[in-house]
Amino acid sequence: MVRLFLNKYILSLVLFVIWMAFFDPKDWQLIAARKQKLNELEKSEEVLNRQIADTRKELKLLKTSAESIEKYAREKYMMKKDNEDLFIVNSP
C-alpha cells in the first residue's frame, strides 16, 4: 500500500487534484458560487422582462384610450375633478 503512494504518477495526480480543488484561482468553490449567482441573475431577468411587458401594455393602453389616461391620473397622481372630493384610504 505504501508503495502505491510512492508511485510518482499517483502522487502527482493526488497533488494535482488537491491543487485544483483548493489553491487554483478557478477552484470548485468559485465555480459553484458563480453558477449560483448566474441562476439568481436569470431569475431576476425573468421578473424584469415580465415587468417590462406589463409596462408596455399599460403604455399602449394609455396611448389609445382617454378613459385610461383619466383613471391612471386619478390612481397614481391622486388628481380629481373640480366638483369632487378626494378621500385617501390606507389599507394595512
Foldseek 3Di string as FASTA:
>chain_A
DVVVCVPPVNVVVVVVVVCQQPPDPCHPVNVVVVVVVVVVVVVVVVVVVVVVVVVVVLVVCCVPDPVSVVVCCCVPVVDDDPPDDGDDDDDD
